[in-house]
Amino acid sequence: FSKVTARPFDKVVANIEDRLRRCVPGGYTQTTMGGGSMSTLSVQNNQRVERVSPNKAEITVQQHHSSTVNQSQGGFYLLAADVLRLDNKSVRIDFYTAKHYAGIADAIEKWAQGSQNCHGIGGNP
């Protein structure tokens, strides 16, 4: 799905990049015991904002699970999005995600509009 926001491209990209860095937690480690054995799962969150041209930026949010084989480099994709400059005052964001991760897309849309809140991402208000 796509959303159009009436804000300049550079401001949109800068705020999304800042909010992803501040709101998305680095990850966690979970240790479980059962049947006399112990196992540890490490999860790392990876987010990236890359300006691929003066008029386009790519956003990815991934999650790497230590005990899972055959993952993409960086882990499983939770969301990918393209931010496209429409003119000097507006952008279009094309989102690629599943319903389960719609909250991340919603937060990115609000960050594109200038919000400084985390909107529930990382357990932050």
N, C-alpha and C. Protein backbone atom coordinates (compact mmCIF):
# COMPACT_ATOMS: atom_id res chain seq x y z
N PHE A 1 0.84 -1.17 0.00
CA PHE A 1 0.00 0.00 0.00
C PHE A 1 0.88 1.23 0.00
N SER A 2 0.30 2.35 -0.37
CA SER A 2 1.06 3.60 -0.47
C SER A 2 0.37 4.71 0.31
N LYS A 3 1.19 5.65 0.79
CA LYS A 3 0.69 6.83 1.50
C LYS A 3 1.43 8.05 0.99
N VAL A 4 0.73 9.15 0.83
CA VAL A 4 1.34 10.42 0.41
C VAL A 4 1.35 11.35 1.62
N THR A 5 2.49 12.02 1.81
CA THR A 5 2.66 12.96 2.92
C THR A 5 3.14 14.29 2.38
N ALA A 6 2.52 15.37 2.84
CA ALA A 6 2.89 16.71 2.39
C ALA A 6 4.00 17.27 3.29
N ARG A 7 5.20 16.72 3.13
CA ARG A 7 6.40 17.21 3.81
C ARG A 7 7.57 17.00 2.87
N PRO A 8 8.61 17.83 2.97
CA PRO A 8 9.78 17.69 2.10
C PRO A 8 10.52 16.37 2.32
N PHE A 9 11.01 15.83 1.22
CA PHE A 9 11.71 14.54 1.20
C PHE A 9 12.80 14.45 2.27
N ASP A 10 13.71 15.43 2.32
CA ASP A 10 14.84 15.35 3.25
C ASP A 10 14.39 15.32 4.70
N LYS A 11 13.36 16.08 5.06
CA LYS A 11 12.84 16.08 6.43
C LYS A 11 12.19 14.75 6.76
N VAL A 12 11.45 14.19 5.81
CA VAL A 12 10.79 12.90 6.03
C VAL A 12 11.82 11.81 6.28
N VAL A 13 12.80 11.70 5.40
CA VAL A 13 13.81 10.65 5.51
C VAL A 13 14.61 10.80 6.81
N ALA A 14 15.01 12.02 7.15
CA ALA A 14 15.79 12.26 8.36
C ALA A 14 15.01 11.86 9.61
N ASN A 15 13.72 12.20 9.67
CA ASN A 15 12.93 11.86 10.86
C ASN A 15 12.69 10.36 10.97
N ILE A 16 12.41 9.70 9.85
CA ILE A 16 12.21 8.25 9.88
C ILE A 16 13.50 7.57 10.35
N GLU A 17 14.63 7.98 9.81
CA GLU A 17 15.91 7.38 10.21
C GLU A 17 16.17 7.59 11.70
N ASP A 18 15.93 8.78 12.21
CA ASP A 18 16.13 9.08 13.62
C ASP A 18 15.20 8.27 14.51
N ARG A 19 13.93 8.19 14.16
CA ARG A 19 12.95 7.46 14.97
C ARG A 19 13.24 5.96 14.96
N LEU A 20 13.63 5.39 13.82
CA LEU A 20 13.98 3.97 13.78
C LEU A 20 15.15 3.69 14.73
N ARG A 21 16.14 4.56 14.70
CA ARG A 21 17.32 4.38 15.56
C ARG A 21 16.93 4.48 17.03
N ARG A 22 16.06 5.42 17.37
CA ARG A 22 15.69 5.66 18.77
C ARG A 22 14.62 4.70 19.29
N CYS A 23 13.72 4.25 18.44
CA CYS A 23 12.56 3.48 18.90
C CYS A 23 12.70 1.97 18.80
N VAL A 24 13.41 1.48 17.78
CA VAL A 24 13.52 0.03 17.60
C VAL A 24 14.62 -0.51 18.52
N PRO A 25 14.28 -1.44 19.41
CA PRO A 25 15.30 -1.99 20.30
C PRO A 25 16.33 -2.81 19.53
N GLY A 26 17.53 -2.91 20.09
CA GLY A 26 18.60 -3.67 19.44
C GLY A 26 18.33 -5.15 19.34
N GLY A 27 17.60 -5.69 20.30
CA GLY A 27 17.28 -7.12 20.30
C GLY A 27 17.20 -7.64 21.71
N TYR A 28 17.20 -8.97 21.83
CA TYR A 28 17.13 -9.60 23.14
C TYR A 28 17.67 -11.02 23.07
N THR A 29 17.94 -11.58 24.25
CA THR A 29 18.37 -12.97 24.36
C THR A 29 17.40 -13.68 25.28
N GLN A 30 16.97 -14.88 24.87
CA GLN A 30 16.02 -15.66 25.65
C GLN A 30 16.64 -17.01 25.95
N THR A 31 16.68 -17.39 27.23
CA THR A 31 17.22 -18.68 27.63
C THR A 31 16.09 -19.53 28.20
N THR A 32 15.99 -20.78 27.73
CA THR A 32 14.96 -21.69 28.23
C THR A 32 15.62 -22.96 28.73
N MET A 33 15.00 -23.55 29.73
CA MET A 33 15.49 -24.82 30.27
C MET A 33 14.38 -25.84 30.17
N GLY A 34 14.74 -27.06 29.82
CA GLY A 34 13.76 -28.13 29.73
C GLY A 34 14.44 -29.45 29.51
N GLY A 35 14.01 -30.45 30.23
CA GLY A 35 14.55 -31.80 30.05
C GLY A 35 16.04 -31.88 30.36
N GLY A 36 16.50 -31.09 31.30
CA GLY A 36 17.91 -31.14 31.67
C GLY A 36 18.85 -30.42 30.71
N SER A 37 18.30 -29.71 29.76
CA SER A 37 19.16 -28.96 28.83
C SER A 37 18.75 -27.50 28.80
N MET A 38 19.67 -26.68 28.35
CA MET A 38 19.42 -25.25 28.28
C MET A 38 19.65 -24.80 26.84
N SER A 39 18.78 -23.92 26.34
CA SER A 39 18.98 -23.38 25.00
C SER A 39 18.84 -21.86 25.04
N THR A 40 19.57 -21.21 24.18
CA THR A 40 19.56 -19.76 24.12
C THR A 40 19.21 -19.31 22.71
N LEU A 41 18.29 -18.38 22.62
CA LEU A 41 17.91 -17.77 21.35
C LEU A 41 18.25 -16.29 21.43
N SER A 42 18.96 -15.83 20.45
CA SER A 42 19.32 -14.41 20.37
C SER A 42 18.61 -13.81 19.18
N VAL A 43 17.94 -12.68 19.39
CA VAL A 43 17.23 -11.99 18.32
C VAL A 43 17.83 -10.60 18.19
N GLN A 44 18.20 -10.25 16.96
CA GLN A 44 18.77 -8.93 16.70
C GLN A 44 17.88 -8.21 15.69
N ASN A 45 17.48 -6.98 16.03
CA ASN A 45 16.69 -6.16 15.12
C ASN A 45 17.63 -5.31 14.27
N ASN A 46 17.40 -5.29 12.99
CA ASN A 46 18.23 -4.52 12.06
C ASN A 46 17.32 -3.62 11.23
N GLN A 47 17.60 -2.34 11.26
CA GLN A 47 16.86 -1.41 10.42
C GLN A 47 17.85 -0.58 9.63
N ARG A 48 17.43 -0.21 8.43
CA ARG A 48 18.32 0.53 7.54
C ARG A 48 17.51 1.53 6.74
N VAL A 49 18.05 2.73 6.61
CA VAL A 49 17.50 3.74 5.72
C VAL A 49 18.63 4.14 4.79
N GLU A 50 18.43 3.93 3.51
CA GLU A 50 19.50 4.22 2.53
C GLU A 50 18.94 5.10 1.42
N ARG A 51 19.61 6.24 1.21
CA ARG A 51 19.25 7.11 0.09
C ARG A 51 19.92 6.54 -1.15
N VAL A 52 19.12 6.03 -2.06
CA VAL A 52 19.66 5.39 -3.26
C VAL A 52 19.75 6.35 -4.44
N SER A 53 19.09 7.51 -4.32
CA SER A 53 19.17 8.56 -5.33
C SER A 53 18.70 9.85 -4.65
N PRO A 54 18.82 10.98 -5.33
CA PRO A 54 18.33 12.24 -4.72
C PRO A 54 16.82 12.24 -4.49
N ASN A 55 16.10 11.34 -5.15
CA ASN A 55 14.65 11.32 -5.06
C ASN A 55 14.07 10.05 -4.46
N LYS A 56 14.93 9.16 -3.94
CA LYS A 56 14.42 7.89 -3.41
C LYS A 56 15.28 7.41 -2.25
N ALA A 57 14.58 6.93 -1.20
CA ALA A 57 15.24 6.27 -0.08
C ALA A 57 14.55 4.93 0.15
N GLU A 58 15.32 3.94 0.58
CA GLU A 58 14.79 2.62 0.87
C GLU A 58 14.90 2.36 2.37
N ILE A 59 13.84 1.82 2.94
CA ILE A 59 13.79 1.49 4.36
C ILE A 59 13.59 -0.02 4.48
N THR A 60 14.38 -0.65 5.35
CA THR A 60 14.14 -2.05 5.67
C THR A 60 14.20 -2.24 7.18
N VAL A 61 13.32 -3.11 7.68
CA VAL A 61 13.33 -3.51 9.08
C VAL A 61 13.37 -5.04 9.06
N GLN A 62 14.44 -5.59 9.66
CA GLN A 62 14.63 -7.03 9.66
C GLN A 62 14.86 -7.53 11.08
N GLN A 63 14.69 -8.85 11.25
CA GLN A 63 14.93 -9.47 12.54
C GLN A 63 15.71 -10.76 12.30
N HIS A 64 16.90 -10.85 12.93
CA HIS A 64 17.76 -12.03 12.78
C HIS A 64 17.63 -12.91 14.02
N HIS A 65 17.32 -14.19 13.80
CA HIS A 65 17.19 -15.17 14.88
C HIS A 65 18.41 -16.08 14.84
N SER A 66 19.12 -16.19 15.97
CA SER A 66 20.38 -16.93 16.00
C SER A 66 20.22 -18.42 15.70
N SER A 67 19.08 -18.99 16.01
CA SER A 67 18.92 -20.44 15.86
C SER A 67 18.24 -20.85 14.56
N THR A 68 18.01 -19.91 13.66
CA THR A 68 17.32 -20.22 12.41
C THR A 68 18.29 -20.16 11.24
N VAL A 69 18.27 -21.21 10.42
CA VAL A 69 19.14 -21.26 9.25
C VAL A 69 18.41 -20.72 8.03
N ASN A 70 19.16 -20.42 6.99
CA ASN A 70 18.63 -19.97 5.70
C ASN A 70 17.84 -18.66 5.79
N GLN A 71 18.32 -17.72 6.60
CA GLN A 71 17.71 -16.40 6.65
C GLN A 71 18.39 -15.51 5.62
N SER A 72 17.69 -14.47 5.21
CA SER A 72 18.32 -13.45 4.37
C SER A 72 19.42 -12.79 5.18
N GLN A 73 20.38 -12.19 4.50
CA GLN A 73 21.40 -11.43 5.22
C GLN A 73 20.70 -10.33 6.00
N GLY A 74 20.93 -10.28 7.30
CA GLY A 74 20.25 -9.32 8.16
C GLY A 74 19.02 -9.88 8.84
N GLY A 75 18.53 -11.03 8.36
CA GLY A 75 17.38 -11.68 8.99
C GLY A 75 16.11 -11.62 8.17
N PHE A 76 15.02 -11.99 8.82
CA PHE A 76 13.71 -11.99 8.18
C PHE A 76 13.23 -10.56 7.99
N TYR A 77 12.64 -10.28 6.84
CA TYR A 77 12.11 -8.94 6.58
C TYR A 77 10.76 -8.78 7.26
N LEU A 78 10.66 -7.76 8.11
CA LEU A 78 9.38 -7.41 8.71
C LEU A 78 8.68 -6.36 7.85
N LEU A 79 9.51 -5.48 7.24
CA LEU A 79 8.95 -4.40 6.43
C LEU A 79 10.02 -3.88 5.48
N ALA A 80 9.59 -3.50 4.30
CA ALA A 80 10.43 -2.74 3.37
C ALA A 80 9.55 -1.60 2.86
N ALA A 81 10.17 -0.47 2.58
CA ALA A 81 9.40 0.68 2.08
C ALA A 81 10.30 1.54 1.20
N ASP A 82 9.70 2.16 0.22
CA ASP A 82 10.38 3.13 -0.63
C ASP A 82 9.78 4.50 -0.35
N VAL A 83 10.65 5.49 -0.12
CA VAL A 83 10.22 6.87 0.04
C VAL A 83 10.59 7.59 -1.25
N LEU A 84 9.60 8.13 -1.96
CA LEU A 84 9.82 8.75 -3.26
C LEU A 84 9.44 10.23 -3.21
N ARG A 85 10.34 11.08 -3.66
CA ARG A 85 10.05 12.52 -3.75
C ARG A 85 9.05 12.74 -4.89
N LEU A 86 7.90 13.35 -4.58
CA LEU A 86 6.92 13.67 -5.61
C LEU A 86 7.18 15.06 -6.17
N ASP A 87 7.49 16.00 -5.27
CA ASP A 87 7.85 17.37 -5.63
C ASP A 87 8.61 17.93 -4.43
N ASN A 88 8.82 19.23 -4.38
CA ASN A 88 9.59 19.83 -3.28
C ASN A 88 8.88 19.78 -1.93
N LYS A 89 7.58 19.50 -1.94
CA LYS A 89 6.80 19.57 -0.71
C LYS A 89 6.11 18.27 -0.33
N SER A 90 6.30 17.19 -1.08
CA SER A 90 5.59 15.97 -0.73
C SER A 90 6.33 14.71 -1.18
N VAL A 91 6.01 13.61 -0.50
CA VAL A 91 6.59 12.30 -0.79
C VAL A 91 5.48 11.25 -0.85
N ARG A 92 5.80 10.15 -1.48
CA ARG A 92 4.94 8.96 -1.44
C ARG A 92 5.77 7.84 -0.83
N ILE A 93 5.16 7.12 0.09
CA ILE A 93 5.84 5.96 0.69
C ILE A 93 5.09 4.72 0.24
N ASP A 94 5.82 3.81 -0.41
CA ASP A 94 5.27 2.52 -0.83
C ASP A 94 5.72 1.48 0.19
N PHE A 95 4.77 0.87 0.90
CA PHE A 95 5.06 -0.11 1.94
C PHE A 95 4.92 -1.53 1.42
N TYR A 96 5.82 -2.40 1.86
CA TYR A 96 5.78 -3.83 1.55
C TYR A 96 5.92 -4.55 2.88
N THR A 97 4.79 -5.08 3.39
CA THR A 97 4.80 -5.74 4.68
C THR A 97 3.59 -6.64 4.79
N ALA A 98 3.57 -7.45 5.85
CA ALA A 98 2.41 -8.29 6.14
C ALA A 98 1.55 -7.60 7.19
N LYS A 99 0.28 -8.00 7.29
CA LYS A 99 -0.63 -7.41 8.26
C LYS A 99 -0.06 -7.44 9.68
N HIS A 100 0.66 -8.50 10.00
CA HIS A 100 1.21 -8.68 11.35
C HIS A 100 2.14 -7.53 11.74
N TYR A 101 2.78 -6.90 10.76
CA TYR A 101 3.74 -5.83 11.04
C TYR A 101 3.21 -4.46 10.61
N ALA A 102 1.90 -4.34 10.48
CA ALA A 102 1.29 -3.08 10.06
C ALA A 102 1.58 -1.96 11.06
N GLY A 103 1.82 -2.29 12.32
CA GLY A 103 2.13 -1.28 13.32
C GLY A 103 3.42 -0.54 13.01
N ILE A 104 4.39 -1.25 12.42
CA ILE A 104 5.65 -0.60 12.03
C ILE A 104 5.38 0.38 10.88
N ALA A 105 4.57 -0.05 9.91
CA ALA A 105 4.23 0.83 8.79
C ALA A 105 3.46 2.05 9.29
N ASP A 106 2.56 1.85 10.22
CA ASP A 106 1.79 2.97 10.78
C ASP A 106 2.72 3.97 11.47
N ALA A 107 3.68 3.47 12.24
CA ALA A 107 4.64 4.36 12.91
C ALA A 107 5.47 5.13 11.88
N ILE A 108 5.93 4.44 10.83
CA ILE A 108 6.73 5.11 9.79
C ILE A 108 5.91 6.20 9.11
N GLU A 109 4.64 5.92 8.85
CA GLU A 109 3.78 6.95 8.24
C GLU A 109 3.67 8.17 9.15
N LYS A 110 3.51 7.95 10.45
CA LYS A 110 3.42 9.08 11.40
C LYS A 110 4.75 9.81 11.51
N TRP A 111 5.86 9.10 11.46
CA TRP A 111 7.17 9.75 11.49
C TRP A 111 7.36 10.59 10.23
N ALA A 112 6.86 10.10 9.09
CA ALA A 112 6.94 10.88 7.85
C ALA A 112 6.18 12.19 7.99
N GLN A 113 5.12 12.20 8.79
CA GLN A 113 4.33 13.40 9.02
C GLN A 113 4.96 14.31 10.07
N GLY A 114 6.06 13.87 10.69
CA GLY A 114 6.79 14.70 11.64
C GLY A 114 6.69 14.29 13.09
N SER A 115 5.98 13.21 13.40
CA SER A 115 5.82 12.79 14.79
C SER A 115 7.17 12.43 15.42
N GLN A 116 7.31 12.74 16.71
CA GLN A 116 8.52 12.41 17.46
C GLN A 116 8.28 11.25 18.44
N ASN A 117 7.07 10.69 18.47
CA ASN A 117 6.76 9.57 19.35
C ASN A 117 7.17 8.26 18.72
N CYS A 118 7.23 7.20 19.53
CA CYS A 118 7.58 5.87 19.01
C CYS A 118 6.36 5.07 18.58
N HIS A 119 5.17 5.47 19.00
CA HIS A 119 3.91 4.84 18.59
C HIS A 119 3.89 3.35 18.89
N GLY A 120 4.38 2.98 20.08
CA GLY A 120 4.33 1.59 20.52
C GLY A 120 5.50 0.74 20.06
N ILE A 121 6.32 1.24 19.15
CA ILE A 121 7.47 0.46 18.67
C ILE A 121 8.49 0.35 19.81
N GLY A 122 8.95 -0.85 20.07
CA GLY A 122 9.91 -1.09 21.14
C GLY A 122 9.31 -0.91 22.52
N GLY A 123 7.96 -0.95 22.60
CA GLY A 123 7.29 -0.77 23.87
C GLY A 123 7.28 0.68 24.35
N ASN A 124 7.67 1.60 23.47
CA ASN A 124 7.74 3.03 23.82
C ASN A 124 6.48 3.76 23.37
N PRO A 125 6.03 4.76 24.14
CA PRO A 125 4.83 5.51 23.74
C PRO A 125 5.08 6.39 22.51
